[in-house]
Amino acid sequence: MKPKILKLSTVVLLLLFIGASCQKDEIPDPDVEFEFKLLNEKKEQSIVFDEGENFTFQFNINTNDTIWKFYNFVNKDFNFFRVYRVENGEQIDVGTPFKSYWCSAIYYACGQSNPFLFELPWVTGVGENERPDQSIFPPFCMFYETSLLPIGKYVTFFDDQVEFVRCGEMVDTNYEQFFYTTELMHFEIEFEIK
């Protein structure tokens, strides 16, 4: 009876050892904060603007993590930096100041803290057919001609997931080990032009 118990315990220990050796590195999820806000012309956060005043969208992905870096928006939501006028409970599409983003190289750097800032004024001053130097409002590169908003109530919102890449690793067949994707998040700001 002892040989059966010895064989069974050896098999159990062997299975435990194999299972433990196959686990991937446990890298904690990125510690990250997301901040979506509007700035007035003095670069102060605000939700009330004077008639004739421009405002700036700001979306900040901020982390001190040196392992995980911002990589991509998964859904690339149509509503990113889009403005809707609110009238009688309905949302009327006013537009967005940009046609395209991701027009140049990836903007993250491994081994450093990772603030990643999307910042773009509602009125960019760039003509619709112009293609300015991409360093003006990176990573945006193509714009719509917008005009200052009239008095009224407005909202801007978007829903997306954010993807991070693990630095210093080569991506192979185990995709999940090198990428982290957040849950679907909703960002919204109601604001007013007076």
C-alpha atoms as a PDB file:
ATOM      1  CA  MET A   1       0.000   0.000   0.000  1.00  0.00           C
ATOM      2  CA  LYS A   2       2.908   2.372   0.617  1.00  0.00           C
ATOM      3  CA  PRO A   3       4.157   2.208  -3.012  1.00  0.00           C
ATOM      4  CA  LYS A   4       0.682   3.315  -4.301  1.00  0.00           C
ATOM      5  CA  ILE A   5       0.619   6.299  -1.904  1.00  0.00           C
ATOM      6  CA  LEU A   6       4.195   7.196  -2.856  1.00  0.00           C
ATOM      7  CA  LYS A   7       3.388   6.970  -6.587  1.00  0.00           C
ATOM      8  CA  LEU A   8       0.185   9.002  -6.175  1.00  0.00           C
ATOM      9  CA  SER A   9       1.916  11.718  -4.128  1.00  0.00           C
ATOM     10  CA  THR A  10       4.769  11.840  -6.664  1.00  0.00           C
ATOM     11  CA  VAL A  11       2.270  12.336  -9.523  1.00  0.00           C
ATOM     12  CA  VAL A  12       0.440  15.092  -7.581  1.00  0.00           C
ATOM     13  CA  LEU A  13       3.707  16.890  -6.786  1.00  0.00           C
ATOM     14  CA  LEU A  14       4.831  16.581 -10.405  1.00  0.00           C
ATOM     15  CA  LEU A  15       1.533  18.096 -11.664  1.00  0.00           C
ATOM     16  CA  LEU A  16       1.805  20.973  -9.164  1.00  0.00           C
ATOM     17  CA  PHE A  17       5.390  21.650 -10.259  1.00  0.00           C
ATOM     18  CA  ILE A  18       4.432  21.647 -13.960  1.00  0.00           C
ATOM     19  CA  GLY A  19       1.470  23.957 -13.330  1.00  0.00           C
ATOM     20  CA  ALA A  20       3.575  26.395 -11.317  1.00  0.00           C
ATOM     21  CA  SER A  21       6.356  26.499 -13.889  1.00  0.00           C
ATOM     22  CA  CYS A  22       3.919  27.339 -16.730  1.00  0.00           C
ATOM     23  CA  GLN A  23       2.496  30.472 -15.117  1.00  0.00           C
ATOM     24  CA  LYS A  24       3.437  33.735 -16.811  1.00  0.00           C
ATOM     25  CA  ASP A  25       5.207  36.550 -14.996  1.00  0.00           C
ATOM     26  CA  GLU A  26       2.798  38.343 -12.708  1.00  0.00           C
ATOM     27  CA  ILE A  27       3.104  41.988 -13.728  1.00  0.00           C
ATOM     28  CA  PRO A  28       0.574  44.182 -11.948  1.00  0.00           C
ATOM     29  CA  ASP A  29      -1.903  46.146 -14.043  1.00  0.00           C
ATOM     30  CA  PRO A  30      -0.829  49.728 -14.758  1.00  0.00           C
ATOM     31  CA  ASP A  31      -1.550  52.294 -12.057  1.00  0.00           C
ATOM     32  CA  VAL A  32      -3.103  55.006 -14.198  1.00  0.00           C
ATOM     33  CA  GLU A  33      -5.337  58.052 -13.866  1.00  0.00           C
ATOM     34  CA  PHE A  34      -7.493  59.512 -16.633  1.00  0.00           C
ATOM     35  CA  GLU A  35      -8.549  63.139 -16.630  1.00  0.00           C
ATOM     36  CA  PHE A  36     -10.865  64.777 -19.156  1.00  0.00           C
ATOM     37  CA  LYS A  37     -11.436  68.525 -18.837  1.00  0.00           C
ATOM     38  CA  LEU A  38     -11.968  71.799 -20.667  1.00  0.00           C
ATOM     39  CA  LEU A  39      -9.666  74.792 -20.237  1.00  0.00           C
ATOM     40  CA  ASN A  40     -10.427  78.478 -20.736  1.00  0.00           C
ATOM     41  CA  GLU A  41      -8.098  80.823 -22.612  1.00  0.00           C
ATOM     42  CA  LYS A  42      -6.039  81.278 -19.404  1.00  0.00           C
ATOM     43  CA  LYS A  43      -5.489  77.475 -19.362  1.00  0.00           C
ATOM     44  CA  GLU A  44      -7.684  77.143 -16.243  1.00  0.00           C
ATOM     45  CA  GLN A  45     -10.174  74.304 -15.916  1.00  0.00           C
ATOM     46  CA  SER A  46     -13.723  75.547 -16.504  1.00  0.00           C
ATOM     47  CA  ILE A  47     -17.207  74.533 -17.627  1.00  0.00           C
ATOM     48  CA  VAL A  48     -18.501  78.093 -18.155  1.00  0.00           C
ATOM     49  CA  PHE A  49     -17.078  80.227 -20.956  1.00  0.00           C
ATOM     50  CA  ASP A  50     -17.844  83.743 -22.116  1.00  0.00           C
ATOM     51  CA  GLU A  51     -19.381  84.302 -25.514  1.00  0.00           C
ATOM     52  CA  GLY A  52     -16.518  84.798 -27.977  1.00  0.00           C
ATOM     53  CA  GLU A  53     -14.055  82.800 -25.844  1.00  0.00           C
ATOM     54  CA  ASN A  54     -12.225  79.791 -27.232  1.00  0.00           C
ATOM     55  CA  PHE A  55     -11.733  76.691 -25.076  1.00  0.00           C
ATOM     56  CA  THR A  56      -9.365  73.747 -25.152  1.00  0.00           C
ATOM     57  CA  PHE A  57     -10.067  70.037 -24.749  1.00  0.00           C
ATOM     58  CA  GLN A  58      -7.605  68.191 -22.547  1.00  0.00           C
ATOM     59  CA  PHE A  59      -7.456  64.442 -22.003  1.00  0.00           C
ATOM     60  CA  ASN A  60      -4.604  63.231 -19.822  1.00  0.00           C
ATOM     61  CA  ILE A  61      -3.471  59.641 -19.346  1.00  0.00           C
ATOM     62  CA  ASN A  62      -1.121  59.856 -16.397  1.00  0.00           C
ATOM     63  CA  THR A  63       0.934  57.156 -14.728  1.00  0.00           C
ATOM     64  CA  ASN A  64       4.290  56.861 -12.998  1.00  0.00           C
ATOM     65  CA  ASP A  65       4.511  53.258 -14.167  1.00  0.00           C
ATOM     66  CA  THR A  66       7.739  52.493 -16.035  1.00  0.00           C
ATOM     67  CA  ILE A  67       6.608  49.041 -17.217  1.00  0.00           C
ATOM     68  CA  TRP A  68       3.294  49.841 -18.943  1.00  0.00           C
ATOM     69  CA  LYS A  69       2.988  52.639 -21.515  1.00  0.00           C
ATOM     70  CA  PHE A  70      -0.035  54.101 -23.280  1.00  0.00           C
ATOM     71  CA  TYR A  71      -0.406  52.430 -26.668  1.00  0.00           C
ATOM     72  CA  ASN A  72      -3.771  53.040 -28.258  1.00  0.00           C
ATOM     73  CA  PHE A  73      -7.471  53.777 -28.001  1.00  0.00           C
ATOM     74  CA  VAL A  74      -9.240  50.522 -28.790  1.00  0.00           C
ATOM     75  CA  ASN A  75     -12.478  51.901 -30.258  1.00  0.00           C
ATOM     76  CA  LYS A  76     -11.311  55.316 -31.508  1.00  0.00           C
ATOM     77  CA  ASP A  77     -14.730  56.697 -30.595  1.00  0.00           C
ATOM     78  CA  PHE A  78     -16.323  59.013 -33.157  1.00  0.00           C
ATOM     79  CA  ASN A  79     -17.250  61.349 -30.270  1.00  0.00           C
ATOM     80  CA  PHE A  80     -13.681  62.038 -29.078  1.00  0.00           C
ATOM     81  CA  PHE A  81     -13.523  65.878 -28.658  1.00  0.00           C
ATOM     82  CA  ARG A  82     -16.901  66.188 -30.431  1.00  0.00           C
ATOM     83  CA  VAL A  83     -19.344  68.868 -29.230  1.00  0.00           C
ATOM     84  CA  TYR A  84     -23.129  68.608 -29.054  1.00  0.00           C
ATOM     85  CA  ARG A  85     -25.475  71.538 -28.425  1.00  0.00           C
ATOM     86  CA  VAL A  86     -28.204  70.628 -25.909  1.00  0.00           C
ATOM     87  CA  GLU A  87     -31.635  72.014 -26.800  1.00  0.00           C
ATOM     88  CA  ASN A  88     -34.939  70.818 -25.309  1.00  0.00           C
ATOM     89  CA  GLY A  89     -33.278  67.620 -24.087  1.00  0.00           C
ATOM     90  CA  GLU A  90     -31.896  66.769 -27.541  1.00  0.00           C
ATOM     91  CA  GLN A  91     -28.246  66.674 -28.561  1.00  0.00           C
ATOM     92  CA  ILE A  92     -27.429  68.400 -31.857  1.00  0.00           C
ATOM     93  CA  ASP A  93     -24.036  67.569 -33.365  1.00  0.00           C
ATOM     94  CA  VAL A  94     -21.924  70.733 -33.688  1.00  0.00           C
ATOM     95  CA  GLY A  95     -18.749  68.979 -34.815  1.00  0.00           C
ATOM     96  CA  THR A  96     -15.162  68.315 -33.839  1.00  0.00           C
ATOM     97  CA  PRO A  97     -12.007  70.372 -34.413  1.00  0.00           C
ATOM     98  CA  PHE A  98      -9.982  67.554 -35.999  1.00  0.00           C
ATOM     99  CA  LYS A  99     -10.254  65.175 -38.937  1.00  0.00           C
ATOM    100  CA  SER A 100      -7.484  62.809 -37.999  1.00  0.00           C
ATOM    101  CA  TYR A 101      -5.084  61.840 -35.269  1.00  0.00           C
ATOM    102  CA  TRP A 102      -2.272  59.304 -35.031  1.00  0.00           C
ATOM    103  CA  CYS A 103      -0.608  60.984 -37.973  1.00  0.00           C
ATOM    104  CA  SER A 104       2.898  60.446 -36.687  1.00  0.00           C
ATOM    105  CA  ALA A 105       4.960  58.110 -34.529  1.00  0.00           C
ATOM    106  CA  ILE A 106       3.967  56.620 -31.183  1.00  0.00           C
ATOM    107  CA  TYR A 107       4.511  59.180 -28.431  1.00  0.00           C
ATOM    108  CA  TYR A 108       5.394  57.030 -25.430  1.00  0.00           C
ATOM    109  CA  ALA A 109       8.879  56.292 -24.114  1.00  0.00           C
ATOM    110  CA  CYS A 110       9.715  53.219 -22.064  1.00  0.00           C
ATOM    111  CA  GLY A 111      11.578  53.564 -18.798  1.00  0.00           C
ATOM    112  CA  GLN A 112      10.076  56.955 -17.945  1.00  0.00           C
ATOM    113  CA  SER A 113       6.918  58.098 -16.244  1.00  0.00           C
ATOM    114  CA  ASN A 114       4.135  58.295 -18.761  1.00  0.00           C
ATOM    115  CA  PRO A 115       1.992  61.394 -18.962  1.00  0.00           C
ATOM    116  CA  PHE A 116       0.278  61.309 -22.325  1.00  0.00           C
ATOM    117  CA  LEU A 117      -1.614  64.461 -23.138  1.00  0.00           C
ATOM    118  CA  PHE A 118      -4.199  65.087 -25.842  1.00  0.00           C
ATOM    119  CA  GLU A 119      -4.787  68.830 -25.986  1.00  0.00           C
ATOM    120  CA  LEU A 120      -6.591  70.687 -28.743  1.00  0.00           C
ATOM    121  CA  PRO A 121      -8.426  74.023 -28.888  1.00  0.00           C
ATOM    122  CA  TRP A 122     -11.951  74.102 -30.302  1.00  0.00           C
ATOM    123  CA  VAL A 123     -10.850  76.749 -32.815  1.00  0.00           C
ATOM    124  CA  THR A 124      -7.377  75.706 -33.981  1.00  0.00           C
ATOM    125  CA  GLY A 125      -6.754  78.521 -36.447  1.00  0.00           C
ATOM    126  CA  VAL A 126      -5.643  75.924 -38.991  1.00  0.00           C
ATOM    127  CA  GLY A 127      -7.430  75.862 -42.337  1.00  0.00           C
ATOM    128  CA  GLU A 128      -9.291  72.740 -43.393  1.00  0.00           C
ATOM    129  CA  ASN A 129      -7.011  71.997 -46.344  1.00  0.00           C
ATOM    130  CA  GLU A 130      -3.800  72.929 -44.546  1.00  0.00           C
ATOM    131  CA  ARG A 131      -1.540  70.268 -43.128  1.00  0.00           C
ATOM    132  CA  PRO A 132       0.662  72.056 -40.593  1.00  0.00           C
ATOM    133  CA  ASP A 133       3.738  70.794 -38.824  1.00  0.00           C
ATOM    134  CA  GLN A 134       2.521  67.879 -36.684  1.00  0.00           C
ATOM    135  CA  SER A 135       4.249  69.292 -33.610  1.00  0.00           C
ATOM    136  CA  ILE A 136       1.590  72.028 -33.315  1.00  0.00           C
ATOM    137  CA  PHE A 137      -1.116  69.815 -31.724  1.00  0.00           C
ATOM    138  CA  PRO A 138       0.344  66.299 -31.559  1.00  0.00           C
ATOM    139  CA  PRO A 139      -0.888  63.701 -32.314  1.00  0.00           C
ATOM    140  CA  PHE A 140      -3.565  65.580 -34.320  1.00  0.00           C
ATOM    141  CA  CYS A 141      -2.637  66.511 -37.877  1.00  0.00           C
ATOM    142  CA  MET A 142      -5.728  67.339 -39.937  1.00  0.00           C
ATOM    143  CA  PHE A 143      -8.375  69.798 -38.808  1.00  0.00           C
ATOM    144  CA  TYR A 144     -11.837  71.192 -39.498  1.00  0.00           C
ATOM    145  CA  GLU A 145     -12.391  74.935 -39.572  1.00  0.00           C
ATOM    146  CA  THR A 146     -14.549  75.601 -36.531  1.00  0.00           C
ATOM    147  CA  SER A 147     -15.905  78.877 -35.209  1.00  0.00           C
ATOM    148  CA  LEU A 148     -16.544  80.115 -31.706  1.00  0.00           C
ATOM    149  CA  LEU A 149     -19.711  78.669 -30.195  1.00  0.00           C
ATOM    150  CA  PRO A 150     -22.782  80.854 -29.600  1.00  0.00           C
ATOM    151  CA  ILE A 151     -24.472  81.196 -26.208  1.00  0.00           C
ATOM    152  CA  GLY A 152     -25.986  77.898 -25.121  1.00  0.00           C
ATOM    153  CA  LYS A 153     -25.557  74.617 -23.274  1.00  0.00           C
ATOM    154  CA  TYR A 154     -23.272  71.942 -24.662  1.00  0.00           C
ATOM    155  CA  VAL A 155     -21.882  68.505 -23.901  1.00  0.00           C
ATOM    156  CA  THR A 156     -18.821  66.582 -25.009  1.00  0.00           C
ATOM    157  CA  PHE A 157     -18.386  62.887 -24.277  1.00  0.00           C
ATOM    158  CA  PHE A 158     -16.771  59.695 -25.479  1.00  0.00           C
ATOM    159  CA  ASP A 159     -16.582  56.032 -24.539  1.00  0.00           C
ATOM    160  CA  ASP A 160     -13.441  54.027 -25.079  1.00  0.00           C
ATOM    161  CA  GLN A 161     -10.999  51.477 -23.802  1.00  0.00           C
ATOM    162  CA  VAL A 162      -7.339  52.331 -23.433  1.00  0.00           C
ATOM    163  CA  GLU A 163      -4.619  49.860 -24.323  1.00  0.00           C
ATOM    164  CA  PHE A 164      -1.166  49.760 -22.727  1.00  0.00           C
ATOM    165  CA  VAL A 165       1.927  47.916 -23.917  1.00  0.00           C
ATOM    166  CA  ARG A 166       4.500  46.288 -21.646  1.00  0.00           C
ATOM    167  CA  CYS A 167       7.887  47.906 -22.209  1.00  0.00           C
ATOM    168  CA  GLY A 168      11.091  46.056 -22.930  1.00  0.00           C
ATOM    169  CA  GLU A 169       9.378  42.956 -24.290  1.00  0.00           C
ATOM    170  CA  MET A 170       9.095  41.485 -27.737  1.00  0.00           C
ATOM    171  CA  VAL A 171       5.538  40.549 -28.626  1.00  0.00           C
ATOM    172  CA  ASP A 172       5.196  36.907 -29.559  1.00  0.00           C
ATOM    173  CA  THR A 173       2.249  34.540 -29.653  1.00  0.00           C
ATOM    174  CA  ASN A 174       1.193  35.373 -26.064  1.00  0.00           C
ATOM    175  CA  TYR A 175      -0.476  38.722 -26.829  1.00  0.00           C
ATOM    176  CA  GLU A 176      -2.190  39.031 -23.426  1.00  0.00           C
ATOM    177  CA  GLN A 177       1.141  38.998 -21.616  1.00  0.00           C
ATOM    178  CA  PHE A 178       2.320  42.187 -23.319  1.00  0.00           C
ATOM    179  CA  PHE A 179      -0.865  44.246 -23.576  1.00  0.00           C
ATOM    180  CA  TYR A 180      -3.329  45.479 -20.988  1.00  0.00           C
ATOM    181  CA  THR A 181      -6.735  46.886 -21.971  1.00  0.00           C
ATOM    182  CA  THR A 182      -8.983  48.831 -19.601  1.00  0.00           C
ATOM    183  CA  GLU A 183     -12.707  48.271 -19.256  1.00  0.00           C
ATOM    184  CA  LEU A 184     -14.928  50.476 -21.410  1.00  0.00           C
ATOM    185  CA  MET A 185     -14.908  53.944 -19.798  1.00  0.00           C
ATOM    186  CA  HIS A 186     -17.256  56.912 -20.227  1.00  0.00           C
ATOM    187  CA  PHE A 187     -15.996  60.509 -20.092  1.00  0.00           C
ATOM    188  CA  GLU A 188     -18.412  63.445 -20.220  1.00  0.00           C
ATOM    189  CA  ILE A 189     -18.399  67.191 -19.628  1.00  0.00           C
ATOM    190  CA  GLU A 190     -21.439  69.451 -19.714  1.00  0.00           C
ATOM    191  CA  PHE A 191     -20.513  73.077 -20.323  1.00  0.00           C
ATOM    192  CA  GLU A 192     -22.043  76.427 -21.115  1.00  0.00           C
ATOM    193  CA  ILE A 193     -21.301  79.494 -23.210  1.00  0.00           C
ATOM    194  CA  LYS A 194     -22.770  82.624 -21.548  1.00  0.00           C
END
